[in-house]
N, C-alpha and C. Protein backbone atom coordinates (compact mmCIF):
# COMPACT_ATOMS: atom_id res chain seq x y z
N MET A 1 204.12 106.89 295.04
CA MET A 1 203.87 105.48 294.87
C MET A 1 205.13 104.71 295.25
N LEU A 2 204.97 103.59 295.88
CA LEU A 2 206.12 102.78 296.28
C LEU A 2 206.74 102.12 295.07
N LYS A 3 208.03 102.20 294.97
CA LYS A 3 208.75 101.53 293.88
C LYS A 3 209.54 100.39 294.46
N SER A 4 209.63 99.35 293.68
CA SER A 4 210.38 98.19 294.12
C SER A 4 211.10 97.63 292.91
N SER A 5 212.18 96.96 293.16
CA SER A 5 212.94 96.35 292.08
C SER A 5 212.58 94.87 292.00
N PHE A 6 212.31 94.43 290.82
CA PHE A 6 211.95 93.03 290.60
C PHE A 6 212.93 92.46 289.59
N SER A 7 213.52 91.36 289.92
CA SER A 7 214.40 90.74 288.94
C SER A 7 214.18 89.24 288.94
N CYS A 8 214.32 88.70 287.78
CA CYS A 8 214.16 87.25 287.60
C CYS A 8 215.44 86.78 286.93
N LYS A 9 216.29 86.06 287.64
CA LYS A 9 217.58 85.65 287.12
C LYS A 9 217.51 84.23 286.58
N ALA A 10 218.08 84.08 285.40
CA ALA A 10 218.16 82.74 284.81
C ALA A 10 219.23 82.76 283.74
N GLU A 11 219.69 81.62 283.40
CA GLU A 11 220.74 81.52 282.39
C GLU A 11 220.43 80.36 281.47
N ILE A 12 220.94 80.46 280.24
CA ILE A 12 220.84 79.35 279.31
C ILE A 12 222.14 78.56 279.43
N SER A 13 222.02 77.32 279.77
CA SER A 13 223.20 76.50 280.00
C SER A 13 223.10 75.22 279.17
N PRO A 14 224.21 74.80 278.54
CA PRO A 14 224.16 73.55 277.77
C PRO A 14 224.00 72.33 278.67
N HIS A 15 224.32 72.46 279.96
CA HIS A 15 224.24 71.33 280.88
C HIS A 15 222.84 71.15 281.47
N HIS A 16 222.00 72.15 281.38
CA HIS A 16 220.66 72.08 281.94
C HIS A 16 219.63 72.10 280.83
N SER A 17 218.54 71.36 281.02
CA SER A 17 217.50 71.30 279.99
C SER A 17 216.58 72.51 280.03
N ALA A 18 216.49 73.16 281.15
CA ALA A 18 215.59 74.31 281.28
C ALA A 18 216.28 75.56 280.76
N SER A 19 215.61 76.29 279.88
CA SER A 19 216.19 77.55 279.40
C SER A 19 215.69 78.67 280.30
N GLN A 20 216.63 79.52 280.67
CA GLN A 20 216.30 80.60 281.59
C GLN A 20 216.91 81.89 281.07
N ILE A 21 216.24 82.99 281.27
CA ILE A 21 216.65 84.29 280.75
C ILE A 21 216.79 85.27 281.91
N SER A 22 217.75 86.14 281.83
CA SER A 22 217.95 87.13 282.88
C SER A 22 217.15 88.40 282.54
N ILE A 23 216.29 88.80 283.47
CA ILE A 23 215.46 89.99 283.28
C ILE A 23 215.60 90.86 284.52
N SER A 24 215.74 92.13 284.33
CA SER A 24 215.73 93.06 285.45
C SER A 24 214.99 94.31 285.01
N LYS A 25 213.95 94.67 285.75
CA LYS A 25 213.16 95.84 285.40
C LYS A 25 212.51 96.39 286.66
N ASN A 26 212.32 97.69 286.70
CA ASN A 26 211.63 98.32 287.82
C ASN A 26 210.12 98.25 287.60
N PHE A 27 209.41 97.81 288.63
CA PHE A 27 207.95 97.75 288.62
C PHE A 27 207.45 98.46 289.86
N ASP A 28 206.27 99.06 289.79
CA ASP A 28 205.70 99.57 291.02
C ASP A 28 205.09 98.39 291.77
N LEU A 29 204.90 98.56 293.04
CA LEU A 29 204.47 97.48 293.93
C LEU A 29 203.14 96.89 293.49
N LEU A 30 202.23 97.71 292.98
CA LEU A 30 200.93 97.23 292.55
C LEU A 30 201.05 96.24 291.40
N ASN A 31 201.93 96.54 290.43
CA ASN A 31 202.12 95.62 289.32
C ASN A 31 202.71 94.29 289.77
N ILE A 32 203.63 94.35 290.71
CA ILE A 32 204.23 93.11 291.22
C ILE A 32 203.16 92.27 291.92
N CYS A 33 202.36 92.93 292.75
CA CYS A 33 201.29 92.20 293.44
C CYS A 33 200.30 91.64 292.45
N ALA A 34 199.99 92.39 291.41
CA ALA A 34 199.05 91.90 290.41
C ALA A 34 199.66 90.76 289.62
N PHE A 35 200.99 90.83 289.38
CA PHE A 35 201.65 89.79 288.62
C PHE A 35 201.70 88.48 289.38
N PHE A 36 201.86 88.59 290.68
CA PHE A 36 201.94 87.38 291.50
C PHE A 36 200.65 87.13 292.25
N GLY A 37 200.70 86.46 293.35
CA GLY A 37 199.57 85.92 294.08
C GLY A 37 198.36 86.78 294.31
N LEU A 38 198.48 88.10 294.39
CA LEU A 38 197.32 88.91 294.72
C LEU A 38 196.26 88.90 293.64
N SER A 39 196.66 88.73 292.39
CA SER A 39 195.65 88.71 291.33
C SER A 39 194.74 87.50 291.49
N LEU A 40 195.28 86.41 291.99
CA LEU A 40 194.44 85.24 292.22
C LEU A 40 193.49 85.48 293.39
N GLN A 41 193.92 86.17 294.41
CA GLN A 41 193.05 86.48 295.53
C GLN A 41 191.98 87.48 295.11
N MET A 42 192.34 88.43 294.28
CA MET A 42 191.39 89.44 293.85
C MET A 42 190.26 88.82 293.04
N GLU A 43 190.56 87.77 292.28
CA GLU A 43 189.54 87.15 291.46
C GLU A 43 188.36 86.66 292.28
N SER A 44 188.61 86.16 293.48
CA SER A 44 187.52 85.63 294.27
C SER A 44 186.53 86.71 294.70
N TRP A 45 186.99 87.92 294.92
CA TRP A 45 186.04 88.95 295.33
C TRP A 45 185.57 89.82 294.19
N ILE A 46 186.17 89.69 293.02
CA ILE A 46 185.71 90.45 291.86
C ILE A 46 184.62 89.69 291.10
N ILE A 47 184.53 88.40 291.29
CA ILE A 47 183.55 87.59 290.57
C ILE A 47 182.13 88.16 290.66
N PRO A 48 181.64 88.55 291.84
CA PRO A 48 180.28 89.10 291.87
C PRO A 48 180.10 90.34 290.99
N LEU A 49 181.16 91.12 290.81
CA LEU A 49 181.04 92.30 289.94
C LEU A 49 180.84 91.91 288.49
N THR A 50 181.36 90.75 288.09
CA THR A 50 181.20 90.32 286.70
C THR A 50 179.78 89.86 286.41
N ILE A 51 179.01 89.57 287.44
CA ILE A 51 177.63 89.13 287.28
C ILE A 51 176.69 90.32 287.12
N LEU A 52 177.09 91.49 287.60
CA LEU A 52 176.22 92.67 287.59
C LEU A 52 175.71 93.08 286.20
N PRO A 53 176.51 93.04 285.14
CA PRO A 53 175.93 93.39 283.83
C PRO A 53 174.80 92.46 283.40
N GLY A 54 174.91 91.19 283.72
CA GLY A 54 173.82 90.26 283.41
C GLY A 54 172.55 90.58 284.18
N ILE A 55 172.72 90.93 285.44
CA ILE A 55 171.57 91.32 286.25
C ILE A 55 170.97 92.61 285.69
N GLY A 56 171.81 93.51 285.25
CA GLY A 56 171.33 94.74 284.63
C GLY A 56 170.49 94.47 283.38
N LEU A 57 170.89 93.47 282.61
CA LEU A 57 170.10 93.10 281.43
C LEU A 57 168.75 92.52 281.84
N PHE A 58 168.74 91.70 282.89
CA PHE A 58 167.47 91.18 283.41
C PHE A 58 166.56 92.34 283.83
N ILE A 59 167.12 93.30 284.54
CA ILE A 59 166.33 94.44 285.02
C ILE A 59 165.79 95.25 283.84
N ALA A 60 166.63 95.50 282.84
CA ALA A 60 166.19 96.27 281.67
C ALA A 60 165.08 95.54 280.91
N ALA A 61 165.25 94.25 280.70
CA ALA A 61 164.23 93.47 279.99
C ALA A 61 162.93 93.43 280.79
N ASN A 62 163.06 93.25 282.09
CA ASN A 62 161.89 93.21 282.97
C ASN A 62 161.15 94.54 282.97
N THR A 63 161.89 95.62 283.02
CA THR A 63 161.28 96.94 283.02
C THR A 63 160.54 97.20 281.71
N ASN A 64 161.15 96.82 280.59
CA ASN A 64 160.48 96.98 279.30
C ASN A 64 159.20 96.15 279.23
N ALA A 65 159.26 94.92 279.73
CA ALA A 65 158.06 94.07 279.74
C ALA A 65 156.99 94.68 280.64
N SER A 66 157.38 95.23 281.78
CA SER A 66 156.43 95.87 282.69
C SER A 66 155.75 97.07 282.04
N VAL A 67 156.52 97.90 281.36
CA VAL A 67 155.95 99.08 280.70
C VAL A 67 154.97 98.65 279.61
N ALA A 68 155.36 97.66 278.82
CA ALA A 68 154.47 97.17 277.76
C ALA A 68 153.19 96.58 278.35
N LEU A 69 153.33 95.84 279.44
CA LEU A 69 152.16 95.24 280.07
C LEU A 69 151.25 96.31 280.68
N GLU A 70 151.84 97.34 281.28
CA GLU A 70 151.04 98.45 281.83
C GLU A 70 150.25 99.16 280.72
N GLN A 71 150.88 99.38 279.59
CA GLN A 71 150.19 100.01 278.46
C GLN A 71 149.05 99.13 277.96
N TYR A 72 149.30 97.83 277.92
CA TYR A 72 148.25 96.90 277.46
C TYR A 72 147.08 96.89 278.44
N ILE A 73 147.37 96.92 279.74
CA ILE A 73 146.31 96.97 280.75
C ILE A 73 145.51 98.27 280.60
N GLN A 74 146.19 99.40 280.37
CA GLN A 74 145.50 100.68 280.14
C GLN A 74 144.57 100.59 278.93
N GLN A 75 145.04 99.93 277.90
CA GLN A 75 144.24 99.75 276.70
C GLN A 75 143.02 98.89 277.00
N LEU A 76 143.20 97.82 277.77
CA LEU A 76 142.08 96.95 278.12
C LEU A 76 141.05 97.69 278.98
N LEU A 77 141.52 98.56 279.84
CA LEU A 77 140.61 99.31 280.71
C LEU A 77 139.75 100.31 279.93
N LYS A 78 140.22 100.74 278.77
CA LYS A 78 139.46 101.67 277.95
C LYS A 78 138.40 100.97 277.11
N GLU A 79 138.53 99.65 276.94
CA GLU A 79 137.57 98.92 276.11
C GLU A 79 136.20 98.87 276.78
N ASN A 80 135.19 98.78 275.91
CA ASN A 80 133.83 98.67 276.41
C ASN A 80 133.16 97.52 275.69
N PRO A 81 132.76 96.47 276.26
CA PRO A 81 132.81 96.12 277.68
C PRO A 81 134.23 95.73 278.09
N ARG A 82 134.51 96.00 279.32
CA ARG A 82 135.83 95.75 279.89
C ARG A 82 135.98 94.24 280.18
N PRO A 83 137.05 93.62 279.64
CA PRO A 83 137.29 92.19 279.92
C PRO A 83 137.87 92.00 281.33
N GLN A 84 137.00 91.85 282.32
CA GLN A 84 137.40 91.81 283.73
C GLN A 84 138.42 90.71 284.03
N THR A 85 138.15 89.50 283.57
CA THR A 85 139.06 88.39 283.92
C THR A 85 140.43 88.59 283.28
N LEU A 86 140.44 89.08 282.05
CA LEU A 86 141.73 89.31 281.38
C LEU A 86 142.51 90.41 282.09
N VAL A 87 141.85 91.46 282.51
CA VAL A 87 142.52 92.55 283.22
C VAL A 87 143.09 92.03 284.54
N LYS A 88 142.34 91.21 285.25
CA LYS A 88 142.83 90.65 286.51
C LYS A 88 144.06 89.76 286.28
N LEU A 89 144.01 88.94 285.23
CA LEU A 89 145.16 88.08 284.92
C LEU A 89 146.39 88.91 284.55
N LYS A 90 146.17 89.98 283.80
CA LYS A 90 147.31 90.83 283.40
C LYS A 90 147.88 91.58 284.60
N ILE A 91 147.03 91.97 285.53
CA ILE A 91 147.53 92.63 286.74
C ILE A 91 148.35 91.64 287.57
N GLN A 92 147.93 90.37 287.62
CA GLN A 92 148.73 89.35 288.30
C GLN A 92 150.08 89.19 287.62
N GLN A 93 150.07 89.24 286.30
CA GLN A 93 151.33 89.16 285.55
C GLN A 93 152.25 90.32 285.90
N LEU A 94 151.66 91.50 285.99
CA LEU A 94 152.45 92.69 286.36
C LEU A 94 153.04 92.53 287.75
N ASN A 95 152.30 91.90 288.64
CA ASN A 95 152.79 91.63 289.99
C ASN A 95 154.01 90.70 289.96
N PHE A 96 153.99 89.68 289.10
CA PHE A 96 155.15 88.79 288.98
C PHE A 96 156.37 89.54 288.46
N LEU A 97 156.15 90.42 287.49
CA LEU A 97 157.28 91.19 286.97
C LEU A 97 157.85 92.12 288.04
N SER A 98 156.97 92.70 288.85
CA SER A 98 157.44 93.58 289.93
C SER A 98 158.26 92.81 290.95
N LYS A 99 157.78 91.61 291.32
CA LYS A 99 158.54 90.79 292.27
C LYS A 99 159.87 90.35 291.68
N ALA A 100 159.89 90.04 290.40
CA ALA A 100 161.15 89.66 289.75
C ALA A 100 162.14 90.83 289.78
N ASN A 101 161.65 92.03 289.49
CA ASN A 101 162.53 93.20 289.52
C ASN A 101 163.09 93.45 290.91
N VAL A 102 162.25 93.32 291.93
CA VAL A 102 162.72 93.49 293.30
C VAL A 102 163.81 92.46 293.61
N SER A 103 163.60 91.24 293.19
CA SER A 103 164.61 90.18 293.42
C SER A 103 165.91 90.50 292.69
N PHE A 104 165.82 91.00 291.47
CA PHE A 104 167.02 91.34 290.72
C PHE A 104 167.77 92.51 291.37
N TYR A 105 167.05 93.53 291.80
CA TYR A 105 167.71 94.65 292.48
C TYR A 105 168.35 94.20 293.80
N LEU A 106 167.66 93.34 294.54
CA LEU A 106 168.25 92.81 295.79
C LEU A 106 169.51 92.01 295.50
N SER A 107 169.47 91.18 294.47
CA SER A 107 170.66 90.37 294.16
C SER A 107 171.82 91.27 293.76
N ALA A 108 171.55 92.33 292.99
CA ALA A 108 172.62 93.26 292.62
C ALA A 108 173.22 93.91 293.86
N LEU A 109 172.37 94.34 294.78
CA LEU A 109 172.85 94.95 296.02
C LEU A 109 173.69 93.95 296.82
N LEU A 110 173.22 92.73 296.93
CA LEU A 110 173.94 91.73 297.72
C LEU A 110 175.25 91.32 297.06
N PHE A 111 175.28 91.26 295.72
CA PHE A 111 176.55 90.98 295.04
C PHE A 111 177.54 92.11 295.30
N LEU A 112 177.06 93.36 295.29
CA LEU A 112 177.94 94.49 295.61
C LEU A 112 178.45 94.40 297.05
N LEU A 113 177.56 94.06 297.98
CA LEU A 113 177.98 93.94 299.38
C LEU A 113 178.99 92.81 299.56
N SER A 114 178.79 91.70 298.85
CA SER A 114 179.74 90.60 298.98
C SER A 114 181.11 91.01 298.46
N THR A 115 181.13 91.72 297.33
CA THR A 115 182.39 92.21 296.78
C THR A 115 183.06 93.18 297.73
N LEU A 116 182.29 94.12 298.24
CA LEU A 116 182.83 95.12 299.15
C LEU A 116 183.36 94.47 300.43
N SER A 117 182.61 93.54 300.99
CA SER A 117 183.05 92.92 302.25
C SER A 117 184.32 92.11 302.06
N GLU A 118 184.42 91.38 300.96
CA GLU A 118 185.63 90.58 300.74
C GLU A 118 186.81 91.47 300.37
N GLY A 119 186.55 92.51 299.60
CA GLY A 119 187.63 93.44 299.25
C GLY A 119 188.21 94.12 300.47
N VAL A 120 187.34 94.60 301.36
CA VAL A 120 187.79 95.23 302.60
C VAL A 120 188.50 94.20 303.47
N HIS A 121 187.96 93.01 303.53
CA HIS A 121 188.55 91.95 304.35
C HIS A 121 189.96 91.61 303.88
N GLN A 122 190.16 91.49 302.57
CA GLN A 122 191.48 91.15 302.04
C GLN A 122 192.44 92.34 302.09
N HIS A 123 191.93 93.53 301.83
CA HIS A 123 192.80 94.70 301.78
C HIS A 123 193.38 95.04 303.15
N TRP A 124 192.56 95.00 304.17
CA TRP A 124 193.04 95.36 305.50
C TRP A 124 193.36 94.14 306.34
N LEU A 125 193.25 92.96 305.77
CA LEU A 125 193.57 91.70 306.46
C LEU A 125 192.91 91.63 307.85
N ILE A 126 191.63 91.88 307.86
CA ILE A 126 190.86 91.84 309.09
C ILE A 126 190.75 90.39 309.55
N GLN A 127 190.87 90.17 310.84
CA GLN A 127 190.92 88.82 311.38
C GLN A 127 189.54 88.18 311.61
N VAL A 128 188.47 88.95 311.51
CA VAL A 128 187.13 88.37 311.67
C VAL A 128 186.71 87.72 310.36
N PRO A 129 185.84 86.72 310.44
CA PRO A 129 185.39 86.07 309.20
C PRO A 129 184.66 87.06 308.28
N SER A 130 184.90 86.92 307.01
CA SER A 130 184.27 87.80 306.02
C SER A 130 182.86 87.30 305.72
N PRO A 131 181.91 88.23 305.58
CA PRO A 131 180.53 87.82 305.23
C PRO A 131 180.36 87.59 303.73
N PHE A 132 181.45 87.47 302.98
CA PHE A 132 181.41 87.31 301.53
C PHE A 132 180.50 86.16 301.11
N LEU A 133 180.72 84.98 301.66
CA LEU A 133 179.93 83.82 301.24
C LEU A 133 178.45 83.98 301.59
N PHE A 134 178.17 84.59 302.73
CA PHE A 134 176.78 84.81 303.12
C PHE A 134 176.09 85.73 302.11
N PHE A 135 176.72 86.87 301.81
CA PHE A 135 176.14 87.81 300.85
C PHE A 135 176.04 87.18 299.45
N PHE A 136 177.09 86.45 299.06
CA PHE A 136 177.11 85.83 297.74
C PHE A 136 176.00 84.79 297.62
N ALA A 137 175.83 83.97 298.66
CA ALA A 137 174.77 82.95 298.62
C ALA A 137 173.40 83.60 298.61
N LEU A 138 173.21 84.61 299.43
CA LEU A 138 171.92 85.30 299.48
C LEU A 138 171.62 85.99 298.14
N ALA A 139 172.63 86.57 297.52
CA ALA A 139 172.45 87.21 296.22
C ALA A 139 172.08 86.18 295.16
N THR A 140 172.70 85.01 295.22
CA THR A 140 172.39 83.95 294.27
C THR A 140 170.96 83.47 294.46
N VAL A 141 170.51 83.38 295.70
CA VAL A 141 169.13 82.98 295.98
C VAL A 141 168.17 84.03 295.41
N CYS A 142 168.45 85.31 295.64
CA CYS A 142 167.58 86.38 295.12
C CYS A 142 167.55 86.35 293.59
N LEU A 143 168.68 86.13 292.96
CA LEU A 143 168.73 86.05 291.50
C LEU A 143 167.90 84.87 291.01
N THR A 144 168.02 83.74 291.69
CA THR A 144 167.25 82.55 291.32
C THR A 144 165.76 82.80 291.49
N VAL A 145 165.36 83.45 292.57
CA VAL A 145 163.95 83.76 292.79
C VAL A 145 163.44 84.68 291.67
N GLY A 146 164.23 85.68 291.30
CA GLY A 146 163.84 86.56 290.21
C GLY A 146 163.66 85.81 288.91
N ILE A 147 164.56 84.89 288.63
CA ILE A 147 164.45 84.09 287.40
C ILE A 147 163.22 83.19 287.48
N LEU A 148 162.93 82.64 288.65
CA LEU A 148 161.72 81.82 288.80
C LEU A 148 160.46 82.64 288.56
N PHE A 149 160.43 83.89 289.05
CA PHE A 149 159.29 84.77 288.76
C PHE A 149 159.17 85.02 287.26
N GLN A 150 160.29 85.15 286.60
CA GLN A 150 160.28 85.34 285.14
C GLN A 150 159.71 84.11 284.44
N ILE A 151 160.11 82.93 284.92
CA ILE A 151 159.61 81.68 284.32
C ILE A 151 158.10 81.57 284.53
N ILE A 152 157.63 81.87 285.74
CA ILE A 152 156.19 81.83 286.02
C ILE A 152 155.46 82.84 285.14
N PHE A 153 156.01 84.05 285.04
CA PHE A 153 155.41 85.07 284.19
C PHE A 153 155.29 84.59 282.75
N ALA A 154 156.38 84.04 282.22
CA ALA A 154 156.39 83.60 280.82
C ALA A 154 155.39 82.47 280.58
N SER A 155 155.36 81.51 281.49
CA SER A 155 154.44 80.37 281.28
C SER A 155 152.99 80.82 281.39
N ARG A 156 152.69 81.72 282.32
CA ARG A 156 151.32 82.23 282.43
C ARG A 156 150.96 83.13 281.26
N ALA A 157 151.92 83.87 280.76
CA ALA A 157 151.64 84.73 279.60
C ALA A 157 151.24 83.90 278.40
N VAL A 158 151.89 82.77 278.21
CA VAL A 158 151.54 81.88 277.10
C VAL A 158 150.13 81.33 277.30
N LYS A 159 149.80 80.93 278.53
CA LYS A 159 148.45 80.42 278.81
C LYS A 159 147.39 81.48 278.57
N ILE A 160 147.66 82.71 279.01
CA ILE A 160 146.70 83.80 278.82
C ILE A 160 146.49 84.07 277.34
N LYS A 161 147.56 84.14 276.57
CA LYS A 161 147.45 84.36 275.12
C LYS A 161 146.66 83.23 274.47
N LYS A 162 146.90 82.02 274.90
CA LYS A 162 146.19 80.87 274.34
C LYS A 162 144.69 81.02 274.60
N CYS A 163 144.33 81.40 275.82
CA CYS A 163 142.91 81.61 276.15
C CYS A 163 142.32 82.74 275.32
N GLN A 164 143.09 83.82 275.11
CA GLN A 164 142.61 84.93 274.29
C GLN A 164 142.34 84.47 272.85
N PHE A 165 143.25 83.71 272.29
CA PHE A 165 143.07 83.22 270.92
C PHE A 165 141.88 82.28 270.83
N GLU A 166 141.72 81.41 271.83
CA GLU A 166 140.58 80.51 271.83
C GLU A 166 139.27 81.27 271.94
N ASP A 167 139.23 82.33 272.76
CA ASP A 167 138.03 83.16 272.89
C ASP A 167 137.69 83.85 271.57
N ARG A 168 138.72 84.35 270.89
CA ARG A 168 138.48 85.00 269.60
C ARG A 168 137.97 84.01 268.55
N LEU A 169 138.51 82.78 268.60
CA LEU A 169 138.03 81.75 267.67
C LEU A 169 136.56 81.41 267.95
N ASN A 170 136.22 81.35 269.23
CA ASN A 170 134.83 81.05 269.62
C ASN A 170 133.90 82.18 269.20
N ASP A 171 134.36 83.42 269.29
CA ASP A 171 133.56 84.57 268.88
C ASP A 171 133.31 84.58 267.39
N ILE A 172 134.30 84.12 266.61
CA ILE A 172 134.19 84.11 265.15
C ILE A 172 133.19 83.04 264.71
N SER A 173 133.25 81.87 265.36
CA SER A 173 132.37 80.77 264.93
C SER A 173 131.01 80.80 265.55
């Protein structure tokens, strides 16, 4: 590993208002770069990685909802008489969850590609423009589309449940 000497010289003087301290310590080159300007540059390409755990939570929640909905559809299919319209509505709901999951997986992939492209671009100081912003924007669009599918799913799920409750009330009376 490359070693470099880093020193910060300063003195405490009664004639100057700024207090300064003399420090001298050996640091490896990576720590010096991290201490100074490179950590600020790294932040711009690490940001997409910080979004990945949130996308992972979306995917996990979506997958759990899909499994529960599949089980409910299986249960409806076993009923006699089979509620055809309800089964069709639930299958449409499952379709929205599938599209949301695809959007979430795409956004995760694109966030990874944006991080990788900017990291490679900064590390090797390549002179061609980095596709970071393109991948980042596309990933944000995919994430937004996935969230919109979730919103549509949730609003339709409430409407379907409302219709189910109204049907049950009509059956009772």
